Structure formats: C-alpha cells, structure tokens
Amino acid sequence: ASMGEKVQMRVARKDGSPIAAMLTLHHGSSVVYKYGCSDESVHHLG
C-alpha cells in the first residue's frame, strides 16, 4: 500500500501451484531483492 509500484512480487508455479516467490523493491537505478521463499519439496525444479 505504501510503496506502490516500487514493490513487486514474483511467483513461479508448476502446474498452477506456487513453488517459489520473491519480493523486490525499486529505487532509481537499483532493484533490491528483499525476501525470497520456496517449497523445499520441489527445489529440484529450479
């Protein structure tokens, strides 16, 4: 709500199920990887 378009979430899915995600921040010419998370049972999918 506060950062608007300067924050983005990215999600990877296998057959519709989320298996990995991250949250990033943007300022000027820099993009910040802030939070990442995943389902360990499908790490082999990359």
ModelCIF file with pLDDT and N, C-alpha, C, O atoms, coordinates in Angstrom:
data_MODEL
#
_entry.id   MODEL 
#
_entity.id                         1 
_entity.type                       polymer 
_entity.pdbx_number_of_molecules   1 
#
_entity_poly.entity_id                      1 
_entity_poly.type                           'polypeptide(L)' 
_entity_poly.nstd_linkage                   no 
_entity_poly.nstd_monomer                   no 
_entity_poly.pdbx_seq_one_letter_code       ASMGEKVQMRVARKDGSPIAAMLTLHHGSSVVYKYGCSDESVHHLG 
_entity_poly.pdbx_seq_one_letter_code_can   ASMGEKVQMRVARKDGSPIAAMLTLHHGSSVVYKYGCSDESVHHLG 
_entity_poly.pdbx_strand_id                 A 
#
loop_
_entity_poly_seq.entity_id 
_entity_poly_seq.num 
_entity_poly_seq.mon_id 
_entity_poly_seq.hetero 
1 1  ALA n 
1 2  SER n 
1 3  MET n 
1 4  GLY n 
1 5  GLU n 
1 6  LYS n 
1 7  VAL n 
1 8  GLN n 
1 9  MET n 
1 10 ARG n 
1 11 VAL n 
1 12 ALA n 
1 13 ARG n 
1 14 LYS n 
1 15 ASP n 
1 16 GLY n 
1 17 SER n 
1 18 PRO n 
1 19 ILE n 
1 20 ALA n 
1 21 ALA n 
1 22 MET n 
1 23 LEU n 
1 24 THR n 
1 25 LEU n 
1 26 HIS n 
1 27 HIS n 
1 28 GLY n 
1 29 SER n 
1 30 SER n 
1 31 VAL n 
1 32 VAL n 
1 33 TYR n 
1 34 LYS n 
1 35 TYR n 
1 36 GLY n 
1 37 CYS n 
1 38 SER n 
1 39 ASP n 
1 40 GLU n 
1 41 SER n 
1 42 VAL n 
1 43 HIS n 
1 44 HIS n 
1 45 LEU n 
1 46 GLY n 
#
_struct_asym.id          A 
_struct_asym.entity_id   1 
#
loop_
_ma_qa_metric.id 
_ma_qa_metric.mode 
_ma_qa_metric.name 
_ma_qa_metric.software_group_id 
_ma_qa_metric.type 
1 global pLDDT . pLDDT 
2 local  pLDDT . pLDDT 
#
_ma_qa_metric_global.metric_id      1 
_ma_qa_metric_global.metric_value   97.13 
_ma_qa_metric_global.model_id       1 
_ma_qa_metric_global.ordinal_id     1 
#
loop_
_ma_qa_metric_local.label_asym_id 
_ma_qa_metric_local.label_comp_id 
_ma_qa_metric_local.label_seq_id 
_ma_qa_metric_local.metric_id 
_ma_qa_metric_local.metric_value 
_ma_qa_metric_local.model_id 
_ma_qa_metric_local.ordinal_id 
A ALA 1  2 97.00 1 1  
A SER 2  2 98.00 1 2  
A MET 3  2 97.00 1 3  
A GLY 4  2 96.00 1 4  
A GLU 5  2 96.00 1 5  
A LYS 6  2 97.00 1 6  
A VAL 7  2 98.00 1 7  
A GLN 8  2 97.00 1 8  
A MET 9  2 98.00 1 9  
A ARG 10 2 98.00 1 10 
A VAL 11 2 98.00 1 11 
A ALA 12 2 98.00 1 12 
A ARG 13 2 98.00 1 13 
A LYS 14 2 98.00 1 14 
A ASP 15 2 97.00 1 15 
A GLY 16 2 96.00 1 16 
A SER 17 2 97.00 1 17 
A PRO 18 2 98.00 1 18 
A ILE 19 2 98.00 1 19 
A ALA 20 2 98.00 1 20 
A ALA 21 2 98.00 1 21 
A MET 22 2 98.00 1 22 
A LEU 23 2 98.00 1 23 
A THR 24 2 98.00 1 24 
A LEU 25 2 98.00 1 25 
A HIS 26 2 97.00 1 26 
A HIS 27 2 97.00 1 27 
A GLY 28 2 95.00 1 28 
A SER 29 2 96.00 1 29 
A SER 30 2 98.00 1 30 
A VAL 31 2 98.00 1 31 
A VAL 32 2 98.00 1 32 
A TYR 33 2 98.00 1 33 
A LYS 34 2 98.00 1 34 
A TYR 35 2 97.00 1 35 
A GLY 36 2 97.00 1 36 
A CYS 37 2 97.00 1 37 
A SER 38 2 97.00 1 38 
A ASP 39 2 97.00 1 39 
A GLU 40 2 95.00 1 40 
A SER 41 2 96.00 1 41 
A VAL 42 2 96.00 1 42 
A HIS 43 2 95.00 1 43 
A HIS 44 2 95.00 1 44 
A LEU 45 2 97.00 1 45 
A GLY 46 2 96.00 1 46 
#
loop_
_atom_site.group_PDB 
_atom_site.id 
_atom_site.type_symbol 
_atom_site.label_atom_id 
_atom_site.label_alt_id 
_atom_site.label_comp_id 
_atom_site.label_asym_id 
_atom_site.label_entity_id 
_atom_site.label_seq_id 
_atom_site.pdbx_PDB_ins_code 
_atom_site.Cartn_x 
_atom_site.Cartn_y 
_atom_site.Cartn_z 
_atom_site.occupancy 
_atom_site.B_iso_or_equiv 
_atom_site.pdbx_formal_charge 
_atom_site.auth_seq_id 
_atom_site.auth_comp_id 
_atom_site.auth_asym_id 
_atom_site.auth_atom_id 
_atom_site.pdbx_PDB_model_num 
ATOM 1   N N  . ALA A 1 1  ? 0.820  -1.206  0.000   1.00 97.00 ? 1  ALA A N  1 
ATOM 2   C CA . ALA A 1 1  ? 0.000  0.000   0.000   1.00 97.00 ? 1  ALA A CA 1 
ATOM 3   C C  . ALA A 1 1  ? 0.857  1.262   0.000   1.00 97.00 ? 1  ALA A C  1 
ATOM 4   O O  . ALA A 1 1  ? 0.518  2.239   -0.668  1.00 97.00 ? 1  ALA A O  1 
ATOM 5   N N  . SER A 1 2  ? 1.961  1.250   0.740   1.00 98.00 ? 2  SER A N  1 
ATOM 6   C CA . SER A 1 2  ? 2.765  2.466   0.911   1.00 98.00 ? 2  SER A CA 1 
ATOM 7   C C  . SER A 1 2  ? 3.746  2.712   -0.225  1.00 98.00 ? 2  SER A C  1 
ATOM 8   O O  . SER A 1 2  ? 3.963  3.857   -0.622  1.00 98.00 ? 2  SER A O  1 
ATOM 9   N N  . MET A 1 3  ? 4.347  1.631   -0.757  1.00 97.00 ? 3  MET A N  1 
ATOM 10  C CA . MET A 1 3  ? 5.393  1.798   -1.776  1.00 97.00 ? 3  MET A CA 1 
ATOM 11  C C  . MET A 1 3  ? 4.861  1.760   -3.201  1.00 97.00 ? 3  MET A C  1 
ATOM 12  O O  . MET A 1 3  ? 5.574  2.117   -4.139  1.00 97.00 ? 3  MET A O  1 
ATOM 13  N N  . GLY A 1 4  ? 3.620  1.332   -3.369  1.00 96.00 ? 4  GLY A N  1 
ATOM 14  C CA . GLY A 1 4  ? 3.036  1.333   -4.706  1.00 96.00 ? 4  GLY A CA 1 
ATOM 15  C C  . GLY A 1 4  ? 3.829  0.488   -5.690  1.00 96.00 ? 4  GLY A C  1 
ATOM 16  O O  . GLY A 1 4  ? 4.210  -0.642  -5.386  1.00 96.00 ? 4  GLY A O  1 
ATOM 17  N N  . GLU A 1 5  ? 4.074  1.042   -6.870  1.00 96.00 ? 5  GLU A N  1 
ATOM 18  C CA . GLU A 1 5  ? 4.743  0.293   -7.939  1.00 96.00 ? 5  GLU A CA 1 
ATOM 19  C C  . GLU A 1 5  ? 6.214  0.026   -7.643  1.00 96.00 ? 5  GLU A C  1 
ATOM 20  O O  . GLU A 1 5  ? 6.869  -0.705  -8.386  1.00 96.00 ? 5  GLU A O  1 
ATOM 21  N N  . LYS A 1 6  ? 6.739  0.603   -6.576  1.00 97.00 ? 6  LYS A N  1 
ATOM 22  C CA . LYS A 1 6  ? 8.147  0.367   -6.240  1.00 97.00 ? 6  LYS A CA 1 
ATOM 23  C C  . LYS A 1 6  ? 8.366  -0.962  -5.530  1.00 97.00 ? 6  LYS A C  1 
ATOM 24  O O  . LYS A 1 6  ? 9.506  -1.314  -5.227  1.00 97.00 ? 6  LYS A O  1 
ATOM 25  N N  . VAL A 1 7  ? 7.303  -1.701  -5.260  1.00 98.00 ? 7  VAL A N  1 
ATOM 26  C CA . VAL A 1 7  ? 7.426  -3.051  -4.708  1.00 98.00 ? 7  VAL A CA 1 
ATOM 27  C C  . VAL A 1 7  ? 6.721  -4.017  -5.647  1.00 98.00 ? 7  VAL A C  1 
ATOM 28  O O  . VAL A 1 7  ? 5.631  -3.734  -6.145  1.00 98.00 ? 7  VAL A O  1 
ATOM 29  N N  . GLN A 1 8  ? 7.359  -5.168  -5.885  1.00 97.00 ? 8  GLN A N  1 
ATOM 30  C CA . GLN A 1 8  ? 6.812  -6.185  -6.780  1.00 97.00 ? 8  GLN A CA 1 
ATOM 31  C C  . GLN A 1 8  ? 6.981  -7.567  -6.157  1.00 97.00 ? 8  GLN A C  1 
ATOM 32  O O  . GLN A 1 8  ? 7.958  -7.835  -5.456  1.00 97.00 ? 8  GLN A O  1 
ATOM 33  N N  . MET A 1 9  ? 6.010  -8.438  -6.426  1.00 98.00 ? 9  MET A N  1 
ATOM 34  C CA . MET A 1 9  ? 6.143  -9.847  -6.063  1.00 98.00 ? 9  MET A CA 1 
ATOM 35  C C  . MET A 1 9  ? 6.281  -10.658 -7.337  1.00 98.00 ? 9  MET A C  1 
ATOM 36  O O  . MET A 1 9  ? 5.657  -10.350 -8.352  1.00 98.00 ? 9  MET A O  1 
ATOM 37  N N  . ARG A 1 10 ? 7.101  -11.696 -7.280  1.00 98.00 ? 10 ARG A N  1 
ATOM 38  C CA . ARG A 1 10 ? 7.316  -12.582 -8.406  1.00 98.00 ? 10 ARG A CA 1 
ATOM 39  C C  . ARG A 1 10 ? 7.096  -14.015 -7.936  1.00 98.00 ? 10 ARG A C  1 
ATOM 40  O O  . ARG A 1 10 ? 7.623  -14.428 -6.904  1.00 98.00 ? 10 ARG A O  1 
ATOM 41  N N  . VAL A 1 11 ? 6.316  -14.762 -8.700  1.00 98.00 ? 11 VAL A N  1 
ATOM 42  C CA . VAL A 1 11 ? 5.964  -16.128 -8.303  1.00 98.00 ? 11 VAL A CA 1 
ATOM 43  C C  . VAL A 1 11 ? 6.196  -17.074 -9.469  1.00 98.00 ? 11 VAL A C  1 
ATOM 44  O O  . VAL A 1 11 ? 5.801  -16.794 -10.601 1.00 98.00 ? 11 VAL A O  1 
ATOM 45  N N  . ALA A 1 12 ? 6.850  -18.210 -9.175  1.00 98.00 ? 12 ALA A N  1 
ATOM 46  C CA . ALA A 1 12 ? 6.996  -19.302 -10.151 1.00 98.00 ? 12 ALA A CA 1 
ATOM 47  C C  . ALA A 1 12 ? 6.045  -20.412 -9.751  1.00 98.00 ? 12 ALA A C  1 
ATOM 48  O O  . ALA A 1 12 ? 5.911  -20.736 -8.570  1.00 98.00 ? 12 ALA A O  1 
ATOM 49  N N  . ARG A 1 13 ? 5.375  -21.002 -10.758 1.00 98.00 ? 13 ARG A N  1 
ATOM 50  C CA . ARG A 1 13 ? 4.405  -22.064 -10.497 1.00 98.00 ? 13 ARG A CA 1 
ATOM 51  C C  . ARG A 1 13 ? 4.687  -23.284 -11.369 1.00 98.00 ? 13 ARG A C  1 
ATOM 52  O O  . ARG A 1 13 ? 5.192  -23.172 -12.485 1.00 98.00 ? 13 ARG A O  1 
ATOM 53  N N  . LYS A 1 14 ? 4.349  -24.438 -10.831 1.00 98.00 ? 14 LYS A N  1 
ATOM 54  C CA . LYS A 1 14 ? 4.387  -25.692 -11.579 1.00 98.00 ? 14 LYS A CA 1 
ATOM 55  C C  . LYS A 1 14 ? 2.970  -26.238 -11.611 1.00 98.00 ? 14 LYS A C  1 
ATOM 56  O O  . LYS A 1 14 ? 2.386  -26.553 -10.573 1.00 98.00 ? 14 LYS A O  1 
ATOM 57  N N  . ASP A 1 15 ? 2.421  -26.347 -12.827 1.00 97.00 ? 15 ASP A N  1 
ATOM 58  C CA . ASP A 1 15 ? 1.039  -26.819 -12.994 1.00 97.00 ? 15 ASP A CA 1 
ATOM 59  C C  . ASP A 1 15 ? 0.076  -26.021 -12.129 1.00 97.00 ? 15 ASP A C  1 
ATOM 60  O O  . ASP A 1 15 ? -0.859 -26.575 -11.552 1.00 97.00 ? 15 ASP A O  1 
ATOM 61  N N  . GLY A 1 16 ? 0.309  -24.723 -12.043 1.00 96.00 ? 16 GLY A N  1 
ATOM 62  C CA . GLY A 1 16 ? -0.582 -23.837 -11.307 1.00 96.00 ? 16 GLY A CA 1 
ATOM 63  C C  . GLY A 1 16 ? -0.290 -23.685 -9.834  1.00 96.00 ? 16 GLY A C  1 
ATOM 64  O O  . GLY A 1 16 ? -0.849 -22.799 -9.188  1.00 96.00 ? 16 GLY A O  1 
ATOM 65  N N  . SER A 1 17 ? 0.575  -24.530 -9.280  1.00 97.00 ? 17 SER A N  1 
ATOM 66  C CA . SER A 1 17 ? 0.880  -24.465 -7.853  1.00 97.00 ? 17 SER A CA 1 
ATOM 67  C C  . SER A 1 17 ? 2.139  -23.629 -7.620  1.00 97.00 ? 17 SER A C  1 
ATOM 68  O O  . SER A 1 17 ? 3.160  -23.869 -8.266  1.00 97.00 ? 17 SER A O  1 
ATOM 69  N N  . PRO A 1 18 ? 2.085  -22.651 -6.708  1.00 98.00 ? 18 PRO A N  1 
ATOM 70  C CA . PRO A 1 18 ? 3.272  -21.827 -6.444  1.00 98.00 ? 18 PRO A CA 1 
ATOM 71  C C  . PRO A 1 18 ? 4.380  -22.634 -5.790  1.00 98.00 ? 18 PRO A C  1 
ATOM 72  O O  . PRO A 1 18 ? 4.139  -23.363 -4.828  1.00 98.00 ? 18 PRO A O  1 
ATOM 73  N N  . ILE A 1 19 ? 5.606  -22.507 -6.316  1.00 98.00 ? 19 ILE A N  1 
ATOM 74  C CA . ILE A 1 19 ? 6.735  -23.263 -5.754  1.00 98.00 ? 19 ILE A CA 1 
ATOM 75  C C  . ILE A 1 19 ? 7.874  -22.355 -5.292  1.00 98.00 ? 19 ILE A C  1 
ATOM 76  O O  . ILE A 1 19 ? 8.730  -22.790 -4.522  1.00 98.00 ? 19 ILE A O  1 
ATOM 77  N N  . ALA A 1 20 ? 7.897  -21.102 -5.751  1.00 98.00 ? 20 ALA A N  1 
ATOM 78  C CA . ALA A 1 20 ? 8.943  -20.168 -5.345  1.00 98.00 ? 20 ALA A CA 1 
ATOM 79  C C  . ALA A 1 20 ? 8.419  -18.754 -5.535  1.00 98.00 ? 20 ALA A C  1 
ATOM 80  O O  . ALA A 1 20 ? 7.631  -18.491 -6.443  1.00 98.00 ? 20 ALA A O  1 
ATOM 81  N N  . ALA A 1 21 ? 8.867  -17.838 -4.665  1.00 98.00 ? 21 ALA A N  1 
ATOM 82  C CA . ALA A 1 21 ? 8.398  -16.451 -4.752  1.00 98.00 ? 21 ALA A CA 1 
ATOM 83  C C  . ALA A 1 21 ? 9.458  -15.512 -4.193  1.00 98.00 ? 21 ALA A C  1 
ATOM 84  O O  . ALA A 1 21 ? 10.317 -15.921 -3.412  1.00 98.00 ? 21 ALA A O  1 
ATOM 85  N N  . MET A 1 22 ? 9.386  -14.262 -4.598  1.00 98.00 ? 22 MET A N  1 
ATOM 86  C CA . MET A 1 22 ? 10.271 -13.240 -4.046  1.00 98.00 ? 22 MET A CA 1 
ATOM 87  C C  . MET A 1 22 ? 9.561  -11.895 -4.041  1.00 98.00 ? 22 MET A C  1 
ATOM 88  O O  . MET A 1 22 ? 8.616  -11.671 -4.797  1.00 98.00 ? 22 MET A O  1 
ATOM 89  N N  . LEU A 1 23 ? 10.032 -11.008 -3.175  1.00 98.00 ? 23 LEU A N  1 
ATOM 90  C CA . LEU A 1 23 ? 9.542  -9.640  -3.125  1.00 98.00 ? 23 LEU A CA 1 
ATOM 91  C C  . LEU A 1 23 ? 10.733 -8.719  -3.345  1.00 98.00 ? 23 LEU A C  1 
ATOM 92  O O  . LEU A 1 23 ? 11.774 -8.868  -2.705  1.00 98.00 ? 23 LEU A O  1 
ATOM 93  N N  . THR A 1 24 ? 10.568 -7.767  -4.254  1.00 98.00 ? 24 THR A N  1 
ATOM 94  C CA . THR A 1 24 ? 11.653 -6.852  -4.603  1.00 98.00 ? 24 THR A CA 1 
ATOM 95  C C  . THR A 1 24 ? 11.207 -5.405  -4.445  1.00 98.00 ? 24 THR A C  1 
ATOM 96  O O  . THR A 1 24 ? 10.018 -5.092  -4.499  1.00 98.00 ? 24 THR A O  1 
ATOM 97  N N  . LEU A 1 25 ? 12.185 -4.537  -4.248  1.00 98.00 ? 25 LEU A N  1 
ATOM 98  C CA . LEU A 1 25 ? 11.965 -3.101  -4.117  1.00 98.00 ? 25 LEU A CA 1 
ATOM 99  C C  . LEU A 1 25 ? 12.739 -2.391  -5.222  1.00 98.00 ? 25 LEU A C  1 
ATOM 100 O O  . LEU A 1 25 ? 13.755 -2.896  -5.700  1.00 98.00 ? 25 LEU A O  1 
ATOM 101 N N  . HIS A 1 26 ? 12.258 -1.230  -5.621  1.00 97.00 ? 26 HIS A N  1 
ATOM 102 C CA . HIS A 1 26 ? 12.922 -0.491  -6.702  1.00 97.00 ? 26 HIS A CA 1 
ATOM 103 C C  . HIS A 1 26 ? 13.159 0.945   -6.267  1.00 97.00 ? 26 HIS A C  1 
ATOM 104 O O  . HIS A 1 26 ? 12.272 1.602   -5.722  1.00 97.00 ? 26 HIS A O  1 
ATOM 105 N N  . HIS A 1 27 ? 14.381 1.420   -6.521  1.00 97.00 ? 27 HIS A N  1 
ATOM 106 C CA . HIS A 1 27 ? 14.703 2.827   -6.276  1.00 97.00 ? 27 HIS A CA 1 
ATOM 107 C C  . HIS A 1 27 ? 15.737 3.256   -7.293  1.00 97.00 ? 27 HIS A C  1 
ATOM 108 O O  . HIS A 1 27 ? 16.804 2.651   -7.390  1.00 97.00 ? 27 HIS A O  1 
ATOM 109 N N  . GLY A 1 28 ? 15.431 4.296   -8.052  1.00 95.00 ? 28 GLY A N  1 
ATOM 110 C CA . GLY A 1 28 ? 16.381 4.822   -9.025  1.00 95.00 ? 28 GLY A CA 1 
ATOM 111 C C  . GLY A 1 28 ? 16.854 3.752   -9.983  1.00 95.00 ? 28 GLY A C  1 
ATOM 112 O O  . GLY A 1 28 ? 16.045 3.130   -10.670 1.00 95.00 ? 28 GLY A O  1 
ATOM 113 N N  . SER A 1 29 ? 18.161 3.530   -10.036 1.00 96.00 ? 29 SER A N  1 
ATOM 114 C CA . SER A 1 29 ? 18.735 2.551   -10.966 1.00 96.00 ? 29 SER A CA 1 
ATOM 115 C C  . SER A 1 29 ? 19.014 1.208   -10.291 1.00 96.00 ? 29 SER A C  1 
ATOM 116 O O  . SER A 1 29 ? 19.716 0.364   -10.849 1.00 96.00 ? 29 SER A O  1 
ATOM 117 N N  . SER A 1 30 ? 18.465 1.012   -9.092  1.00 98.00 ? 30 SER A N  1 
ATOM 118 C CA . SER A 1 30 ? 18.739 -0.213  -8.339  1.00 98.00 ? 30 SER A CA 1 
ATOM 119 C C  . SER A 1 30 ? 17.456 -0.978  -8.040  1.00 98.00 ? 30 SER A C  1 
ATOM 120 O O  . SER A 1 30 ? 16.427 -0.385  -7.716  1.00 98.00 ? 30 SER A O  1 
ATOM 121 N N  . VAL A 1 31 ? 17.528 -2.305  -8.152  1.00 98.00 ? 31 VAL A N  1 
ATOM 122 C CA . VAL A 1 31 ? 16.442 -3.195  -7.743  1.00 98.00 ? 31 VAL A CA 1 
ATOM 123 C C  . VAL A 1 31 ? 16.952 -4.036  -6.582  1.00 98.00 ? 31 VAL A C  1 
ATOM 124 O O  . VAL A 1 31 ? 18.030 -4.626  -6.662  1.00 98.00 ? 31 VAL A O  1 
ATOM 125 N N  . VAL A 1 32 ? 16.179 -4.091  -5.508  1.00 98.00 ? 32 VAL A N  1 
ATOM 126 C CA . VAL A 1 32 ? 16.595 -4.781  -4.291  1.00 98.00 ? 32 VAL A CA 1 
ATOM 127 C C  . VAL A 1 32 ? 15.822 -6.082  -4.132  1.00 98.00 ? 32 VAL A C  1 
ATOM 128 O O  . VAL A 1 32 ? 14.592 -6.080  -4.073  1.00 98.00 ? 32 VAL A O  1 
ATOM 129 N N  . TYR A 1 33 ? 16.553 -7.198  -4.063  1.00 98.00 ? 33 TYR A N  1 
ATOM 130 C CA . TYR A 1 33 ? 15.941 -8.464  -3.688  1.00 98.00 ? 33 TYR A CA 1 
ATOM 131 C C  . TYR A 1 33 ? 15.857 -8.478  -2.164  1.00 98.00 ? 33 TYR A C  1 
ATOM 132 O O  . TYR A 1 33 ? 16.882 -8.522  -1.485  1.00 98.00 ? 33 TYR A O  1 
ATOM 133 N N  . LYS A 1 34 ? 14.631 -8.440  -1.624  1.00 98.00 ? 34 LYS A N  1 
ATOM 134 C CA . LYS A 1 34 ? 14.471 -8.305  -0.174  1.00 98.00 ? 34 LYS A CA 1 
ATOM 135 C C  . LYS A 1 34 ? 14.037 -9.614  0.497   1.00 98.00 ? 34 LYS A C  1 
ATOM 136 O O  . LYS A 1 34 ? 14.608 -10.005 1.515   1.00 98.00 ? 34 LYS A O  1 
ATOM 137 N N  . TYR A 1 35 ? 13.033 -10.289 -0.067  1.00 97.00 ? 35 TYR A N  1 
ATOM 138 C CA . TYR A 1 35 ? 12.533 -11.525 0.544   1.00 97.00 ? 35 TYR A CA 1 
ATOM 139 C C  . TYR A 1 35 ? 12.392 -12.609 -0.524  1.00 97.00 ? 35 TYR A C  1 
ATOM 140 O O  . TYR A 1 35 ? 11.919 -12.346 -1.629  1.00 97.00 ? 35 TYR A O  1 
ATOM 141 N N  . GLY A 1 36 ? 12.806 -13.824 -0.183  1.00 97.00 ? 36 GLY A N  1 
ATOM 142 C CA . GLY A 1 36 ? 12.638 -14.965 -1.068  1.00 97.00 ? 36 GLY A CA 1 
ATOM 143 C C  . GLY A 1 36 ? 12.145 -16.160 -0.279  1.00 97.00 ? 36 GLY A C  1 
ATOM 144 O O  . GLY A 1 36 ? 12.480 -16.311 0.896   1.00 97.00 ? 36 GLY A O  1 
ATOM 145 N N  . CYS A 1 37 ? 11.355 -17.011 -0.910  1.00 97.00 ? 37 CYS A N  1 
ATOM 146 C CA . CYS A 1 37 ? 10.802 -18.172 -0.219  1.00 97.00 ? 37 CYS A CA 1 
ATOM 147 C C  . CYS A 1 37 ? 10.448 -19.243 -1.248  1.00 97.00 ? 37 CYS A C  1 
ATOM 148 O O  . CYS A 1 37 ? 10.255 -18.949 -2.428  1.00 97.00 ? 37 CYS A O  1 
ATOM 149 N N  . SER A 1 38 ? 10.365 -20.493 -0.782  1.00 97.00 ? 38 SER A N  1 
ATOM 150 C CA . SER A 1 38 ? 10.142 -21.592 -1.719  1.00 97.00 ? 38 SER A CA 1 
ATOM 151 C C  . SER A 1 38 ? 9.638  -22.833 -0.999  1.00 97.00 ? 38 SER A C  1 
ATOM 152 O O  . SER A 1 38 ? 9.702  -22.942 0.226   1.00 97.00 ? 38 SER A O  1 
ATOM 153 N N  . ASP A 1 39 ? 9.137  -23.759 -1.800  1.00 97.00 ? 39 ASP A N  1 
ATOM 154 C CA . ASP A 1 39 ? 8.702  -25.073 -1.308  1.00 97.00 ? 39 ASP A CA 1 
ATOM 155 C C  . ASP A 1 39 ? 9.876  -26.035 -1.484  1.00 97.00 ? 39 ASP A C  1 
ATOM 156 O O  . ASP A 1 39 ? 10.239 -26.381 -2.608  1.00 97.00 ? 39 ASP A O  1 
ATOM 157 N N  . GLU A 1 40 ? 10.456 -26.458 -0.385  1.00 95.00 ? 40 GLU A N  1 
ATOM 158 C CA . GLU A 1 40 ? 11.662 -27.286 -0.423  1.00 95.00 ? 40 GLU A CA 1 
ATOM 159 C C  . GLU A 1 40 ? 11.457 -28.603 -1.159  1.00 95.00 ? 40 GLU A C  1 
ATOM 160 O O  . GLU A 1 40 ? 12.402 -29.146 -1.732  1.00 95.00 ? 40 GLU A O  1 
ATOM 161 N N  . SER A 1 41 ? 10.238 -29.120 -1.150  1.00 96.00 ? 41 SER A N  1 
ATOM 162 C CA . SER A 1 41 ? 9.977  -30.430 -1.758  1.00 96.00 ? 41 SER A CA 1 
ATOM 163 C C  . SER A 1 41 ? 10.138 -30.417 -3.278  1.00 96.00 ? 41 SER A C  1 
ATOM 164 O O  . SER A 1 41 ? 10.264 -31.470 -3.903  1.00 96.00 ? 41 SER A O  1 
ATOM 165 N N  . VAL A 1 42 ? 10.134 -29.217 -3.869  1.00 96.00 ? 42 VAL A N  1 
ATOM 166 C CA . VAL A 1 42 ? 10.267 -29.136 -5.337  1.00 96.00 ? 42 VAL A CA 1 
ATOM 167 C C  . VAL A 1 42 ? 11.471 -28.264 -5.737  1.00 96.00 ? 42 VAL A C  1 
ATOM 168 O O  . VAL A 1 42 ? 11.479 -27.673 -6.816  1.00 96.00 ? 42 VAL A O  1 
ATOM 169 N N  . HIS A 1 43 ? 12.476 -28.190 -4.871  1.00 95.00 ? 43 HIS A N  1 
ATOM 170 C CA . HIS A 1 43 ? 13.677 -27.424 -5.208  1.00 95.00 ? 43 HIS A CA 1 
ATOM 171 C C  . HIS A 1 43 ? 14.349 -27.944 -6.472  1.00 95.00 ? 43 HIS A C  1 
ATOM 172 O O  . HIS A 1 43 ? 15.012 -27.192 -7.187  1.00 95.00 ? 43 HIS A O  1 
ATOM 173 N N  . HIS A 1 44 ? 14.173 -29.236 -6.745  1.00 95.00 ? 44 HIS A N  1 
ATOM 174 C CA . HIS A 1 44 ? 14.823 -29.825 -7.920  1.00 95.00 ? 44 HIS A CA 1 
ATOM 175 C C  . HIS A 1 44 ? 14.303 -29.235 -9.229  1.00 95.00 ? 44 HIS A C  1 
ATOM 176 O O  . HIS A 1 44 ? 14.917 -29.425 -10.279 1.00 95.00 ? 44 HIS A O  1 
ATOM 177 N N  . LEU A 1 45 ? 13.164 -28.513 -9.174  1.00 97.00 ? 45 LEU A N  1 
ATOM 178 C CA . LEU A 1 45 ? 12.608 -27.906 -10.389 1.00 97.00 ? 45 LEU A CA 1 
ATOM 179 C C  . LEU A 1 45 ? 13.283 -26.578 -10.731 1.00 97.00 ? 45 LEU A C  1 
ATOM 180 O O  . LEU A 1 45 ? 13.044 -26.023 -11.803 1.00 97.00 ? 45 LEU A O  1 
ATOM 181 N N  . GLY A 1 46 ? 14.118 -26.066 -9.834  1.00 96.00 ? 46 GLY A N  1 
ATOM 182 C CA . GLY A 1 46 ? 14.866 -24.838 -10.129 1.00 96.00 ? 46 GLY A CA 1 
ATOM 183 C C  . GLY A 1 46 ? 14.057 -23.563 -10.047 1.00 96.00 ? 46 GLY A C  1 
ATOM 184 O O  . GLY A 1 46 ? 14.590 -22.478 -10.277 1.00 96.00 ? 46 GLY A O  1 
#
